[in-house]
Amino acid sequence: MEISLVAIGRVAGLIPSLLPYLKESQDWTRGRATVDDILRMVLNGQMQLWVVYQDGIVYGHVVTEIKQYPQCKMLTIQYCAMQTGTLEQIEDKMHETAERFARDAGCKGIEFVGRPGWRKTGNMYGYSVQSVMYQKFFKD
């Protein structure tokens, strides 16, 4: 398994392979972003698209954003969706690649918001839990 940053000019050609994973990311946003919104942010350079693949077959994606805070930059993992069992195969390489990319971009660290189940994996890679976001959505 490999993970690679996708050049903006190559995004369109990967959309058919990535669509199931982009739809999964859209579903996790619970109405805050659509597949089109995610792709627009990637294509305008606001976010970076990473593809997880092996032997030319796409197994998922990660979407990151370099956020500029008043005193520093952080690499924020915004979206992540993969075939079942893929994360366990790629997570070491994914974290190494993300850290190298963040350092090269002048970021002071990496951040993400995730469900409580991410605590164990986060701890394993040196992340500490600062907060957990809970949400309530109004019914129409």
Protein backbone atom coordinates (compact mmCIF):
# COMPACT_ATOMS: atom_id res chain seq x y z
CA MET A 1 0.00 0.00 0.00
CA GLU A 2 1.15 3.50 -0.83
CA ILE A 3 -0.12 7.00 -0.13
CA SER A 4 0.65 9.86 -2.47
CA LEU A 5 -0.18 13.53 -2.84
CA VAL A 6 -2.23 14.08 -6.01
CA ALA A 7 -1.21 16.97 -8.25
CA ILE A 8 -4.16 19.26 -9.01
CA GLY A 9 -3.93 18.43 -12.71
CA ARG A 10 -4.45 14.73 -11.98
CA VAL A 11 -7.47 15.07 -9.67
CA ALA A 12 -10.12 14.90 -12.42
CA GLY A 13 -8.79 11.59 -13.72
CA LEU A 14 -9.04 10.01 -10.26
CA ILE A 15 -12.58 11.14 -9.45
CA PRO A 16 -14.28 7.93 -10.69
CA SER A 17 -12.04 5.79 -8.46
CA LEU A 18 -12.35 8.14 -5.48
CA LEU A 19 -16.09 8.81 -5.69
CA PRO A 20 -17.19 6.12 -3.18
CA TYR A 21 -14.71 7.46 -0.63
CA LEU A 22 -15.60 11.09 -1.30
CA LYS A 23 -19.28 10.20 -0.78
CA GLU A 24 -18.36 8.58 2.53
CA SER A 25 -16.57 11.78 3.59
CA GLN A 26 -19.62 13.79 2.51
CA ASP A 27 -21.86 11.58 4.66
CA TRP A 28 -19.61 12.11 7.70
CA THR A 29 -20.07 15.88 7.37
CA ARG A 30 -23.83 15.47 7.95
CA GLY A 31 -24.72 18.19 5.47
CA ARG A 32 -21.79 20.56 6.03
CA ALA A 33 -19.98 19.69 2.79
CA THR A 34 -20.74 17.83 -0.42
CA VAL A 35 -18.43 15.92 -2.73
CA ASP A 36 -18.46 18.98 -4.99
CA ASP A 37 -17.42 21.22 -2.08
CA ILE A 38 -14.52 18.93 -1.18
CA LEU A 39 -13.34 18.72 -4.78
CA ARG A 40 -13.63 22.49 -5.23
CA MET A 41 -11.40 23.07 -2.20
CA VAL A 42 -8.87 20.57 -3.57
CA LEU A 43 -8.95 22.02 -7.08
CA ASN A 44 -8.54 25.62 -5.89
CA GLY A 45 -5.54 24.62 -3.78
CA GLN A 46 -7.15 25.23 -0.38
CA MET A 47 -6.86 21.52 0.47
CA GLN A 48 -4.59 18.69 -0.58
CA LEU A 49 -5.81 15.32 -1.86
CA TRP A 50 -3.87 12.18 -1.00
CA VAL A 51 -4.71 8.82 -2.56
CA VAL A 52 -4.16 5.40 -1.01
CA TYR A 53 -3.42 2.80 -3.67
CA GLN A 54 -1.76 -0.46 -4.53
CA ASP A 55 -1.05 -1.88 -8.00
CA GLY A 56 -3.04 0.94 -9.61
CA ILE A 57 -6.15 0.27 -7.52
CA VAL A 58 -7.46 3.09 -5.30
CA TYR A 59 -8.36 2.07 -1.75
CA GLY A 60 -9.18 5.46 -0.25
CA HIS A 61 -8.26 9.07 0.30
CA VAL A 62 -7.11 11.62 2.86
CA VAL A 63 -7.78 15.33 2.44
CA THR A 64 -5.60 17.79 4.35
CA GLU A 65 -5.50 21.55 4.75
CA ILE A 66 -2.68 23.80 5.88
CA LYS A 67 -4.31 26.16 8.36
CA GLN A 68 -2.66 29.45 9.17
CA TYR A 69 -3.29 30.47 12.76
CA PRO A 70 -2.10 33.83 14.11
CA GLN A 71 1.12 32.35 15.51
CA CYS A 72 1.74 29.20 13.45
CA LYS A 73 0.60 26.85 10.71
CA MET A 74 -0.86 23.39 11.33
CA LEU A 75 -1.61 20.56 8.92
CA THR A 76 -5.25 19.64 9.50
CA ILE A 77 -6.59 16.28 8.40
CA GLN A 78 -10.07 17.19 7.17
CA TYR A 79 -11.37 13.99 5.57
CA CYS A 80 -10.30 10.37 5.53
CA ALA A 81 -12.15 7.40 4.00
CA MET A 82 -10.81 4.02 2.95
CA GLN A 83 -11.89 0.48 2.24
CA THR A 84 -12.32 -1.57 5.40
CA GLY A 85 -8.98 -2.84 6.67
CA THR A 86 -6.91 -0.41 4.58
CA LEU A 87 -6.05 2.02 7.37
CA GLU A 88 -4.32 -0.70 9.38
CA GLN A 89 -2.09 -1.43 6.37
CA ILE A 90 -1.20 2.18 5.57
CA GLU A 91 -1.34 4.07 8.88
CA ASP A 92 2.40 4.00 9.67
CA LYS A 93 3.30 5.25 6.20
CA MET A 94 0.39 7.74 6.26
CA HIS A 95 1.54 9.33 9.52
CA GLU A 96 5.19 9.46 8.41
CA THR A 97 4.19 11.06 5.11
CA ALA A 98 1.88 13.58 6.77
CA GLU A 99 4.56 14.59 9.27
CA ARG A 100 7.18 15.04 6.55
CA PHE A 101 4.72 17.09 4.44
CA ALA A 102 3.76 19.24 7.45
CA ARG A 103 7.38 19.91 8.41
CA ASP A 104 8.31 20.74 4.80
CA ALA A 105 5.36 23.18 4.67
CA GLY A 106 6.56 24.93 7.84
CA CYS A 107 3.75 23.61 10.02
CA LYS A 108 4.24 23.28 13.76
CA GLY A 109 2.17 20.08 13.93
CA ILE A 110 -0.79 18.05 12.73
CA GLU A 111 -4.36 18.16 14.01
CA PHE A 112 -7.65 16.42 13.35
CA VAL A 113 -11.08 16.03 14.88
CA GLY A 114 -12.28 12.46 15.10
CA ARG A 115 -14.70 10.17 16.80
CA PRO A 116 -13.70 8.86 20.25
CA GLY A 117 -12.47 5.61 18.68
CA TRP A 118 -9.49 7.47 17.21
CA ARG A 119 -7.99 7.96 20.70
CA LYS A 120 -5.96 4.71 20.68
CA THR A 121 -4.53 5.31 17.20
CA GLY A 122 -3.87 8.97 17.98
CA ASN A 123 -1.99 8.08 21.16
CA MET A 124 0.06 5.51 19.26
CA TYR A 125 1.34 8.25 16.93
CA GLY A 126 2.01 10.86 19.60
CA TYR A 127 -1.26 12.83 19.47
CA SER A 128 -2.92 13.91 22.68
CA VAL A 129 -6.64 14.45 23.10
CA GLN A 130 -7.40 18.10 23.76
CA SER A 131 -11.12 18.00 23.08
CA VAL A 132 -13.79 15.90 21.46
CA MET A 133 -16.43 17.59 19.37
CA TYR A 134 -19.99 16.56 20.09
CA GLN A 135 -22.76 17.60 17.73
CA LYS A 136 -26.49 17.96 17.75
CA PHE A 137 -28.29 18.39 14.47
CA PHE A 138 -31.81 19.77 14.40
CA LYS A 139 -34.50 17.71 12.75
CA ASP A 140 -36.37 19.48 9.98
